[in-house]
Amino acid sequence: MATIELNGKAMAKKLGEVVSAKDDSHYGLALVSSSKAKSMGTEAEALKKWAVKVLAS
């Protein structure tokens, strides 16, 4: 991701953060607040839109 397109490095970092938080909460290593869960959903949606844009170009 980091080398694909402008903002790729930031998107790669954001993906790592979302996946890490998901894994921590999924395996019970950390509790995720409602606001953090909503934020993760918003970030995941932004990543999805970015990926669709990149794949379409």
Protein backbone atom coordinates (compact mmCIF):
# COMPACT_ATOMS: atom_id res chain seq x y z
CA MET A 1 0.00 0.00 0.00
CA ALA A 2 2.74 2.41 0.91
CA THR A 3 4.15 2.49 -2.61
CA ILE A 4 0.94 2.26 -4.64
CA GLU A 5 -0.34 5.80 -4.64
CA LEU A 6 -0.26 9.18 -3.00
CA ASN A 7 -1.32 8.74 0.65
CA GLY A 8 -0.50 5.04 0.43
CA LYS A 9 1.91 5.21 3.35
CA ALA A 10 -0.71 6.86 5.57
CA MET A 11 -3.36 4.35 4.47
CA ALA A 12 -1.02 1.45 5.22
CA LYS A 13 -0.41 2.83 8.70
CA LYS A 14 -4.15 3.31 9.26
CA LEU A 15 -4.87 -0.25 8.08
CA GLY A 16 -2.31 -1.59 10.55
CA GLU A 17 -3.93 0.36 13.38
CA VAL A 18 -7.45 -0.84 12.52
CA VAL A 19 -6.39 -4.48 12.17
CA SER A 20 -4.39 -4.36 15.40
CA ALA A 21 -7.29 -2.88 17.37
CA LYS A 22 -9.66 -5.42 15.81
CA ASP A 23 -7.39 -8.29 16.74
CA ASP A 24 -6.91 -7.03 20.31
CA SER A 25 -10.65 -6.69 20.85
CA HIS A 26 -11.52 -9.91 19.04
CA TYR A 27 -9.16 -12.02 21.12
CA GLY A 28 -10.06 -10.27 24.37
CA LEU A 29 -6.70 -8.57 24.83
CA ALA A 30 -8.31 -5.15 25.11
CA LEU A 31 -11.73 -3.62 25.52
CA VAL A 32 -12.87 -1.23 22.82
CA SER A 33 -15.18 1.63 23.73
CA SER A 34 -18.24 2.42 21.65
CA SER A 35 -16.63 5.60 20.33
CA LYS A 36 -13.42 3.73 19.40
CA ALA A 37 -15.47 1.06 17.60
CA LYS A 38 -17.31 3.74 15.61
CA SER A 39 -14.01 5.43 14.80
CA MET A 40 -12.54 2.13 13.60
CA GLY A 41 -15.61 1.59 11.40
CA THR A 42 -15.21 5.05 9.89
CA GLU A 43 -11.50 4.44 9.26
CA ALA A 44 -12.22 1.04 7.71
CA GLU A 45 -14.82 2.61 5.41
CA ALA A 46 -12.30 5.27 4.32
CA LEU A 47 -9.75 2.53 3.59
CA LYS A 48 -12.32 0.63 1.54
CA LYS A 49 -13.17 3.73 -0.53
CA TRP A 50 -9.47 4.40 -1.08
CA ALA A 51 -8.88 0.81 -2.22
CA VAL A 52 -11.82 0.92 -4.64
CA LYS A 53 -10.46 4.17 -6.10
CA VAL A 54 -6.99 2.70 -6.52
CA LEU A 55 -8.28 -0.49 -8.12
CA ALA A 56 -10.50 1.47 -10.51
CA SER A 57 -7.62 3.59 -11.78
